[in-house]
Amino acid sequence: MNKLPSAGEDTWTLARHAHVVVYEALDGGELLTIYDCGAAQAPPSAQIVGHLVRTTADHETEQQPTGHIVKLREDSVLREQTEGHYVIEPA
């Protein structure tokens, strides 16, 4: 279920106010659920099994009992560095 706009090979565009919810599993795995806007009550744009390695784009992180939420503050891209390992960078 990846409806994110492509920004090149293994790279997708994220909206300025996107929220990336990172669910951390007990086995060390992660599920990334991406919403175009945290305020909109819309279904997610993507769900990806993988690890969010780092975020260099302007953001705020909110810890949750099951993981954390990355709240973006600028236009960004999600890039797959290696298989299953993702970074969020400024666009």
PDB file of N, CA and C in Angstrom:
ATOM      1  N   MET A   1       0.846  -1.177   0.000  1.00  0.00           N
ATOM      2  CA  MET A   1       0.000   0.000   0.000  1.00  0.00           C
ATOM      3  C   MET A   1       0.892   1.242   0.000  1.00  0.00           C
ATOM      4  N   ASN A   2       1.565   1.463  -1.080  1.00  0.00           N
ATOM      5  CA  ASN A   2       2.414   2.643  -1.160  1.00  0.00           C
ATOM      6  C   ASN A   2       1.836   3.581  -2.206  1.00  0.00           C
ATOM      7  N   LYS A   3       1.212   4.653  -1.740  1.00  0.00           N
ATOM      8  CA  LYS A   3       0.627   5.649  -2.638  1.00  0.00           C
ATOM      9  C   LYS A   3       1.420   6.948  -2.609  1.00  0.00           C
ATOM     10  N   LEU A   4       2.678   6.867  -2.170  1.00  0.00           N
ATOM     11  CA  LEU A   4       3.529   8.058  -2.132  1.00  0.00           C
ATOM     12  C   LEU A   4       4.039   8.366  -3.531  1.00  0.00           C
ATOM     13  N   PRO A   5       4.118   9.659  -3.893  1.00  0.00           N
ATOM     14  CA  PRO A   5       4.663  10.025  -5.209  1.00  0.00           C
ATOM     15  C   PRO A   5       6.154   9.695  -5.288  1.00  0.00           C
ATOM     16  N   SER A   6       6.554   9.101  -6.392  1.00  0.00           N
ATOM     17  CA  SER A   6       7.957   8.749  -6.599  1.00  0.00           C
ATOM     18  C   SER A   6       8.780  10.015  -6.834  1.00  0.00           C
ATOM     19  N   ALA A   7       9.987  10.030  -6.278  1.00  0.00           N
ATOM     20  CA  ALA A   7      10.921  11.139  -6.488  1.00  0.00           C
ATOM     21  C   ALA A   7      12.225  10.604  -7.067  1.00  0.00           C
ATOM     22  N   GLY A   8      12.159   9.434  -7.683  1.00  0.00           N
ATOM     23  CA  GLY A   8      13.344   8.800  -8.241  1.00  0.00           C
ATOM     24  C   GLY A   8      13.400   7.358  -7.777  1.00  0.00           C
ATOM     25  N   GLU A   9      14.488   6.683  -8.124  1.00  0.00           N
ATOM     26  CA  GLU A   9      14.638   5.284  -7.757  1.00  0.00           C
ATOM     27  C   GLU A   9      14.770   5.136  -6.239  1.00  0.00           C
ATOM     28  N   ASP A  10      13.908   4.326  -5.653  1.00  0.00           N
ATOM     29  CA  ASP A  10      13.907   4.055  -4.204  1.00  0.00           C
ATOM     30  C   ASP A  10      13.760   5.326  -3.369  1.00  0.00           C
ATOM     31  N   THR A  11      13.064   6.349  -3.910  1.00  0.00           N
ATOM     32  CA  THR A  11      12.861   7.617  -3.209  1.00  0.00           C
ATOM     33  C   THR A  11      11.425   8.080  -3.430  1.00  0.00           C
ATOM     34  N   TRP A  12      10.782   8.542  -2.341  1.00  0.00           N
ATOM     35  CA  TRP A  12       9.398   8.988  -2.417  1.00  0.00           C
ATOM     36  C   TRP A  12       9.243  10.341  -1.747  1.00  0.00           C
ATOM     37  N   THR A  13       8.329  11.149  -2.267  1.00  0.00           N
ATOM     38  CA  THR A  13       8.071  12.481  -1.746  1.00  0.00           C
ATOM     39  C   THR A  13       7.152  12.409  -0.531  1.00  0.00           C
ATOM     40  N   LEU A  14       7.505  13.151   0.516  1.00  0.00           N
ATOM     41  CA  LEU A  14       6.673  13.275   1.709  1.00  0.00           C
ATOM     42  C   LEU A  14       6.172  14.704   1.805  1.00  0.00           C
ATOM     43  N   ALA A  15       4.948  14.860   2.241  1.00  0.00           N
ATOM     44  CA  ALA A  15       4.358  16.192   2.390  1.00  0.00           C
ATOM     45  C   ALA A  15       5.026  16.957   3.539  1.00  0.00           C
ATOM     46  N   ARG A  16       4.925  18.266   3.478  1.00  0.00           N
ATOM     47  CA  ARG A  16       5.523  19.137   4.490  1.00  0.00           C
ATOM     48  C   ARG A  16       5.080  18.794   5.913  1.00  0.00           C
ATOM     49  N   HIS A  17       3.836  18.411   6.085  1.00  0.00           N
ATOM     50  CA  HIS A  17       3.322  18.121   7.425  1.00  0.00           C
ATOM     51  C   HIS A  17       3.028  16.637   7.619  1.00  0.00           C
ATOM     52  N   ALA A  18       3.761  15.787   6.911  1.00  0.00           N
ATOM     53  CA  ALA A  18       3.553  14.342   7.034  1.00  0.00           C
ATOM     54  C   ALA A  18       3.935  13.862   8.431  1.00  0.00           C
ATOM     55  N   HIS A  19       3.265  12.816   8.844  1.00  0.00           N
ATOM     56  CA  HIS A  19       3.594  12.134  10.091  1.00  0.00           C
ATOM     57  C   HIS A  19       3.996  10.712   9.745  1.00  0.00           C
ATOM     58  N   VAL A  20       5.122  10.271  10.271  1.00  0.00           N
ATOM     59  CA  VAL A  20       5.574   8.897  10.083  1.00  0.00           C
ATOM     60  C   VAL A  20       5.490   8.228  11.448  1.00  0.00           C
ATOM     61  N   VAL A  21       4.574   7.280  11.560  1.00  0.00           N
ATOM     62  CA  VAL A  21       4.391   6.548  12.815  1.00  0.00           C
ATOM     63  C   VAL A  21       5.247   5.293  12.726  1.00  0.00           C
ATOM     64  N   VAL A  22       6.181   5.154  13.668  1.00  0.00           N
ATOM     65  CA  VAL A  22       7.096   4.009  13.679  1.00  0.00           C
ATOM     66  C   VAL A  22       6.673   3.088  14.812  1.00  0.00           C
ATOM     67  N   TYR A  23       6.147   1.922  14.438  1.00  0.00           N
ATOM     68  CA  TYR A  23       5.777   0.910  15.428  1.00  0.00           C
ATOM     69  C   TYR A  23       6.958  -0.022  15.606  1.00  0.00           C
ATOM     70  N   GLU A  24       7.385  -0.213  16.849  1.00  0.00           N
ATOM     71  CA  GLU A  24       8.536  -1.062  17.130  1.00  0.00           C
ATOM     72  C   GLU A  24       8.046  -2.406  17.663  1.00  0.00           C
ATOM     73  N   ALA A  25       8.407  -3.490  16.967  1.00  0.00           N
ATOM     74  CA  ALA A  25       8.015  -4.834  17.376  1.00  0.00           C
ATOM     75  C   ALA A  25       8.997  -5.387  18.402  1.00  0.00           C
ATOM     76  N   LEU A  26       8.547  -6.353  19.172  1.00  0.00           N
ATOM     77  CA  LEU A  26       9.401  -6.974  20.190  1.00  0.00           C
ATOM     78  C   LEU A  26      10.609  -7.671  19.579  1.00  0.00           C
ATOM     79  N   ASP A  27      10.488  -8.139  18.340  1.00  0.00           N
ATOM     80  CA  ASP A  27      11.604  -8.837  17.691  1.00  0.00           C
ATOM     81  C   ASP A  27      12.612  -7.881  17.060  1.00  0.00           C
ATOM     82  N   GLY A  28      12.428  -6.567  17.254  1.00  0.00           N
ATOM     83  CA  GLY A  28      13.350  -5.574  16.718  1.00  0.00           C
ATOM     84  C   GLY A  28      12.926  -5.011  15.379  1.00  0.00           C
ATOM     85  N   GLY A  29      11.880  -5.539  14.781  1.00  0.00           N
ATOM     86  CA  GLY A  29      11.389  -5.028  13.503  1.00  0.00           C
ATOM     87  C   GLY A  29      10.607  -3.742  13.680  1.00  0.00           C
ATOM     88  N   GLU A  30      10.361  -3.047  12.585  1.00  0.00           N
ATOM     89  CA  GLU A  30       9.588  -1.804  12.610  1.00  0.00           C
ATOM     90  C   GLU A  30       8.603  -1.780  11.452  1.00  0.00           C
ATOM     91  N   LEU A  31       7.479  -1.109  11.682  1.00  0.00           N
ATOM     92  CA  LEU A  31       6.485  -0.841  10.650  1.00  0.00           C
ATOM     93  C   LEU A  31       6.345   0.672  10.568  1.00  0.00           C
ATOM     94  N   LEU A  32       6.571   1.226   9.367  1.00  0.00           N
ATOM     95  CA  LEU A  32       6.438   2.663   9.155  1.00  0.00           C
ATOM     96  C   LEU A  32       5.079   2.914   8.506  1.00  0.00           C
ATOM     97  N   THR A  33       4.252   3.712   9.169  1.00  0.00           N
ATOM     98  CA  THR A  33       2.955   4.089   8.618  1.00  0.00           C
ATOM     99  C   THR A  33       3.011   5.588   8.350  1.00  0.00           C
ATOM    100  N   ILE A  34       2.781   5.982   7.097  1.00  0.00           N
ATOM    101  CA  ILE A  34       2.974   7.369   6.674  1.00  0.00           C
ATOM    102  C   ILE A  34       1.631   8.013   6.360  1.00  0.00           C
ATOM    103  N   TYR A  35       1.375   9.142   7.036  1.00  0.00           N
ATOM    104  CA  TYR A  35       0.176   9.950   6.819  1.00  0.00           C
ATOM    105  C   TYR A  35       0.602  11.263   6.183  1.00  0.00           C
ATOM    106  N   ASP A  36      -0.138  11.732   5.164  1.00  0.00           N
ATOM    107  CA  ASP A  36       0.204  12.997   4.506  1.00  0.00           C
ATOM    108  C   ASP A  36       0.116  14.181   5.452  1.00  0.00           C
ATOM    109  N   CYS A  37      -0.816  14.125   6.395  1.00  0.00           N
ATOM    110  CA  CYS A  37      -0.994  15.214   7.354  1.00  0.00           C
ATOM    111  C   CYS A  37      -1.528  14.621   8.643  1.00  0.00           C
ATOM    112  N   GLY A  38      -0.906  14.965   9.741  1.00  0.00           N
ATOM    113  CA  GLY A  38      -1.343  14.442  11.017  1.00  0.00           C
ATOM    114  C   GLY A  38      -2.701  14.960  11.452  1.00  0.00           C
ATOM    115  N   ALA A  39      -3.086  16.135  10.971  1.00  0.00           N
ATOM    116  CA  ALA A  39      -4.358  16.731  11.373  1.00  0.00           C
ATOM    117  C   ALA A  39      -5.539  16.184  10.568  1.00  0.00           C
ATOM    118  N   ALA A  40      -5.268  15.710   9.360  1.00  0.00           N
ATOM    119  CA  ALA A  40      -6.351  15.189   8.507  1.00  0.00           C
ATOM    120  C   ALA A  40      -6.757  13.803   8.996  1.00  0.00           C
ATOM    121  N   GLN A  41      -8.024  13.541   8.942  1.00  0.00           N
ATOM    122  CA  GLN A  41      -8.495  12.214   9.322  1.00  0.00           C
ATOM    123  C   GLN A  41      -8.643  11.381   8.053  1.00  0.00           C
ATOM    124  N   ALA A  42      -7.511  11.023   7.484  1.00  0.00           N
ATOM    125  CA  ALA A  42      -7.466  10.262   6.241  1.00  0.00           C
ATOM    126  C   ALA A  42      -6.647   9.000   6.465  1.00  0.00           C
ATOM    127  N   PRO A  43      -6.896   7.978   5.655  1.00  0.00           N
ATOM    128  CA  PRO A  43      -6.104   6.759   5.795  1.00  0.00           C
ATOM    129  C   PRO A  43      -4.638   7.027   5.446  1.00  0.00           C
ATOM    130  N   PRO A  44      -3.748   6.143   5.872  1.00  0.00           N
ATOM    131  CA  PRO A  44      -2.327   6.347   5.568  1.00  0.00           C
ATOM    132  C   PRO A  44      -2.051   6.255   4.074  1.00  0.00           C
ATOM    133  N   SER A  45      -0.990   6.941   3.663  1.00  0.00           N
ATOM    134  CA  SER A  45      -0.557   6.903   2.266  1.00  0.00           C
ATOM    135  C   SER A  45       0.331   5.703   1.989  1.00  0.00           C
ATOM    136  N   ALA A  46       0.969   5.181   3.033  1.00  0.00           N
ATOM    137  CA  ALA A  46       1.857   4.036   2.848  1.00  0.00           C
ATOM    138  C   ALA A  46       2.088   3.329   4.175  1.00  0.00           C
ATOM    139  N   GLN A  47       2.340   2.035   4.082  1.00  0.00           N
ATOM    140  CA  GLN A  47       2.818   1.237   5.208  1.00  0.00           C
ATOM    141  C   GLN A  47       3.987   0.425   4.686  1.00  0.00           C
ATOM    142  N   ILE A  48       5.110   0.529   5.373  1.00  0.00           N
ATOM    143  CA  ILE A  48       6.340  -0.099   4.913  1.00  0.00           C
ATOM    144  C   ILE A  48       6.971  -0.850   6.077  1.00  0.00           C
ATOM    145  N   VAL A  49       7.342  -2.102   5.844  1.00  0.00           N
ATOM    146  CA  VAL A  49       8.084  -2.865   6.843  1.00  0.00           C
ATOM    147  C   VAL A  49       9.548  -2.541   6.621  1.00  0.00           C
ATOM    148  N   GLY A  50      10.191  -2.013   7.637  1.00  0.00           N
ATOM    149  CA  GLY A  50      11.594  -1.632   7.528  1.00  0.00           C
ATOM    150  C   GLY A  50      11.994  -0.797   8.719  1.00  0.00           C
ATOM    151  N   HIS A  51      13.214  -0.311   8.702  1.00  0.00           N
ATOM    152  CA  HIS A  51      13.749   0.486   9.813  1.00  0.00           C
ATOM    153  C   HIS A  51      13.980   1.920   9.366  1.00  0.00           C
ATOM    154  N   LEU A  52      13.510   2.874  10.176  1.00  0.00           N
ATOM    155  CA  LEU A  52      13.816   4.283   9.938  1.00  0.00           C
ATOM    156  C   LEU A  52      15.136   4.558  10.636  1.00  0.00           C
ATOM    157  N   VAL A  53      16.192   4.708   9.846  1.00  0.00           N
ATOM    158  CA  VAL A  53      17.548   4.842  10.375  1.00  0.00           C
ATOM    159  C   VAL A  53      17.788   6.226  10.961  1.00  0.00           C
ATOM    160  N   ARG A  54      17.373   7.264  10.210  1.00  0.00           N
ATOM    161  CA  ARG A  54      17.558   8.636  10.709  1.00  0.00           C
ATOM    162  C   ARG A  54      16.666   9.590   9.944  1.00  0.00           C
ATOM    163  N   THR A  55      16.496  10.774  10.529  1.00  0.00           N
ATOM    164  CA  THR A  55      15.731  11.849   9.905  1.00  0.00           C
ATOM    165  C   THR A  55      16.571  13.112   9.985  1.00  0.00           C
ATOM    166  N   THR A  56      16.972  13.638   8.814  1.00  0.00           N
ATOM    167  CA  THR A  56      17.751  14.879   8.790  1.00  0.00           C
ATOM    168  C   THR A  56      16.887  16.075   8.418  1.00  0.00           C
ATOM    169  N   ALA A  57      15.668  15.823   7.934  1.00  0.00           N
ATOM    170  CA  ALA A  57      14.734  16.912   7.640  1.00  0.00           C
ATOM    171  C   ALA A  57      14.247  17.514   8.955  1.00  0.00           C
ATOM    172  N   ASP A  58      13.818  18.778   8.907  1.00  0.00           N
ATOM    173  CA  ASP A  58      13.290  19.445  10.091  1.00  0.00           C
ATOM    174  C   ASP A  58      12.071  18.669  10.586  1.00  0.00           C
ATOM    175  N   HIS A  59      12.110  18.269  11.863  1.00  0.00           N
ATOM    176  CA  HIS A  59      11.035  17.439  12.411  1.00  0.00           C
ATOM    177  C   HIS A  59      10.972  17.549  13.928  1.00  0.00           C
ATOM    178  N   GLU A  60       9.928  16.958  14.458  1.00  0.00           N
ATOM    179  CA  GLU A  60       9.734  16.830  15.905  1.00  0.00           C
ATOM    180  C   GLU A  60       9.411  15.353  16.143  1.00  0.00           C
ATOM    181  N   THR A  61       9.960  14.775  17.201  1.00  0.00           N
ATOM    182  CA  THR A  61       9.698  13.372  17.522  1.00  0.00           C
ATOM    183  C   THR A  61       8.886  13.288  18.799  1.00  0.00           C
ATOM    184  N   GLU A  62       7.844  12.472  18.757  1.00  0.00           N
ATOM    185  CA  GLU A  62       6.979  12.260  19.918  1.00  0.00           C
ATOM    186  C   GLU A  62       7.016  10.772  20.267  1.00  0.00           C
ATOM    187  N   GLN A  63       7.477  10.465  21.479  1.00  0.00           N
ATOM    188  CA  GLN A  63       7.545   9.070  21.918  1.00  0.00           C
ATOM    189  C   GLN A  63       6.156   8.549  22.261  1.00  0.00           C
ATOM    190  N   GLN A  64       5.901   7.293  21.919  1.00  0.00           N
ATOM    191  CA  GLN A  64       4.638   6.617  22.171  1.00  0.00           C
ATOM    192  C   GLN A  64       4.943   5.276  22.847  1.00  0.00           C
ATOM    193  N   PRO A  65       3.972   4.658  23.489  1.00  0.00           N
ATOM    194  CA  PRO A  65       4.216   3.358  24.130  1.00  0.00           C
ATOM    195  C   PRO A  65       4.666   2.269  23.152  1.00  0.00           C
ATOM    196  N   THR A  66       4.248   2.348  21.901  1.00  0.00           N
ATOM    197  CA  THR A  66       4.594   1.303  20.929  1.00  0.00           C
ATOM    198  C   THR A  66       5.641   1.754  19.908  1.00  0.00           C
ATOM    199  N   GLY A  67       6.245   2.906  20.111  1.00  0.00           N
ATOM    200  CA  GLY A  67       7.246   3.415  19.170  1.00  0.00           C
ATOM    201  C   GLY A  67       7.347   4.917  19.254  1.00  0.00           C
ATOM    202  N   HIS A  68       7.336   5.578  18.101  1.00  0.00           N
ATOM    203  CA  HIS A  68       7.403   7.038  18.079  1.00  0.00           C
ATOM    204  C   HIS A  68       6.784   7.585  16.795  1.00  0.00           C
ATOM    205  N   ILE A  69       6.513   8.891  16.820  1.00  0.00           N
ATOM    206  CA  ILE A  69       5.955   9.584  15.665  1.00  0.00           C
ATOM    207  C   ILE A  69       6.949  10.661  15.244  1.00  0.00           C
ATOM    208  N   VAL A  70       7.272  10.675  13.959  1.00  0.00           N
ATOM    209  CA  VAL A  70       8.124  11.714  13.390  1.00  0.00           C
ATOM    210  C   VAL A  70       7.189  12.684  12.684  1.00  0.00           C
ATOM    211  N   LYS A  71       7.122  13.923  13.196  1.00  0.00           N
ATOM    212  CA  LYS A  71       6.254  14.954  12.632  1.00  0.00           C
ATOM    213  C   LYS A  71       7.123  15.904  11.811  1.00  0.00           C
ATOM    214  N   LEU A  72       6.993  15.826  10.503  1.00  0.00           N
ATOM    215  CA  LEU A  72       7.834  16.627   9.613  1.00  0.00           C
ATOM    216  C   LEU A  72       7.411  18.086   9.593  1.00  0.00           C
ATOM    217  N   ARG A  73       8.382  18.964   9.366  1.00  0.00           N
ATOM    218  CA  ARG A  73       8.153  20.407   9.341  1.00  0.00           C
ATOM    219  C   ARG A  73       8.621  21.039   8.038  1.00  0.00           C
ATOM    220  N   GLU A  74       9.030  20.216   7.062  1.00  0.00           N
ATOM    221  CA  GLU A  74       9.449  20.737   5.756  1.00  0.00           C
ATOM    222  C   GLU A  74       9.225  19.651   4.703  1.00  0.00           C
ATOM    223  N   ASP A  75       9.190  20.060   3.432  1.00  0.00           N
ATOM    224  CA  ASP A  75       9.076  19.096   2.345  1.00  0.00           C
ATOM    225  C   ASP A  75      10.270  18.148   2.424  1.00  0.00           C
ATOM    226  N   SER A  76       9.996  16.863   2.304  1.00  0.00           N
ATOM    227  CA  SER A  76      11.036  15.861   2.520  1.00  0.00           C
ATOM    228  C   SER A  76      10.878  14.717   1.547  1.00  0.00           C
ATOM    229  N   VAL A  77      11.882  13.847   1.566  1.00  0.00           N
ATOM    230  CA  VAL A  77      11.813  12.610   0.802  1.00  0.00           C
ATOM    231  C   VAL A  77      12.159  11.446   1.715  1.00  0.00           C
ATOM    232  N   LEU A  78      11.552  10.314   1.435  1.00  0.00           N
ATOM    233  CA  LEU A  78      11.874   9.054   2.100  1.00  0.00           C
ATOM    234  C   LEU A  78      12.735   8.278   1.119  1.00  0.00           C
ATOM    235  N   ARG A  79      13.943   7.919   1.536  1.00  0.00           N
ATOM    236  CA  ARG A  79      14.884   7.238   0.642  1.00  0.00           C
ATOM    237  C   ARG A  79      15.282   5.903   1.272  1.00  0.00           C
ATOM    238  N   GLU A  80      15.238   4.855   0.454  1.00  0.00           N
ATOM    239  CA  GLU A  80      15.698   3.540   0.919  1.00  0.00           C
ATOM    240  C   GLU A  80      17.198   3.467   0.670  1.00  0.00           C
ATOM    241  N   GLN A  81      17.979   3.441   1.761  1.00  0.00           N
ATOM    242  CA  GLN A  81      19.439   3.396   1.636  1.00  0.00           C
ATOM    243  C   GLN A  81      19.903   2.004   1.227  1.00  0.00           C
ATOM    244  N   THR A  82      19.510   1.034   2.002  1.00  0.00           N
ATOM    245  CA  THR A  82      19.753  -0.369   1.703  1.00  0.00           C
ATOM    246  C   THR A  82      18.434  -1.076   1.940  1.00  0.00           C
ATOM    247  N   GLU A  83      18.342  -2.312   1.569  1.00  0.00           N
ATOM    248  CA  GLU A  83      17.073  -3.014   1.657  1.00  0.00           C
ATOM    249  C   GLU A  83      16.501  -2.959   3.079  1.00  0.00           C
ATOM    250  N   GLY A  84      15.328  -2.323   3.186  1.00  0.00           N
ATOM    251  CA  GLY A  84      14.631  -2.247   4.465  1.00  0.00           C
ATOM    252  C   GLY A  84      15.131  -1.179   5.415  1.00  0.00           C
ATOM    253  N   HIS A  85      16.068  -0.334   4.987  1.00  0.00           N
ATOM    254  CA  HIS A  85      16.614   0.734   5.838  1.00  0.00           C
ATOM    255  C   HIS A  85      16.364   2.069   5.151  1.00  0.00           C
ATOM    256  N   TYR A  86      15.611   2.940   5.838  1.00  0.00           N
ATOM    257  CA  TYR A  86      15.123   4.190   5.257  1.00  0.00           C
ATOM    258  C   TYR A  86      15.639   5.405   6.000  1.00  0.00           C
ATOM    259  N   VAL A  87      15.776   6.512   5.279  1.00  0.00           N
ATOM    260  CA  VAL A  87      16.131   7.807   5.856  1.00  0.00           C
ATOM    261  C   VAL A  87      15.129   8.831   5.337  1.00  0.00           C
ATOM    262  N   ILE A  88      14.891   9.869   6.123  1.00  0.00           N
ATOM    263  CA  ILE A  88      14.066  10.998   5.695  1.00  0.00           C
ATOM    264  C   ILE A  88      14.997  12.193   5.596  1.00  0.00           C
ATOM    265  N   GLU A  89      15.028  12.804   4.404  1.00  0.00           N
ATOM    266  CA  GLU A  89      15.926  13.923   4.140  1.00  0.00           C
ATOM    267  C   GLU A  89      15.132  15.105   3.595  1.00  0.00           C
ATOM    268  N   PRO A  90      15.682  16.321   3.708  1.00  0.00           N
ATOM    269  CA  PRO A  90      15.009  17.473   3.093  1.00  0.00           C
ATOM    270  C   PRO A  90      14.895  17.261   1.583  1.00  0.00           C
ATOM    271  N   ALA A  91      13.820  17.789   1.009  1.00  0.00           N
ATOM    272  CA  ALA A  91      13.611  17.651  -0.454  1.00  0.00           C
ATOM    273  C   ALA A  91      14.556  18.549  -1.213  1.00  0.00           C
TER     274      ALA A  91
END
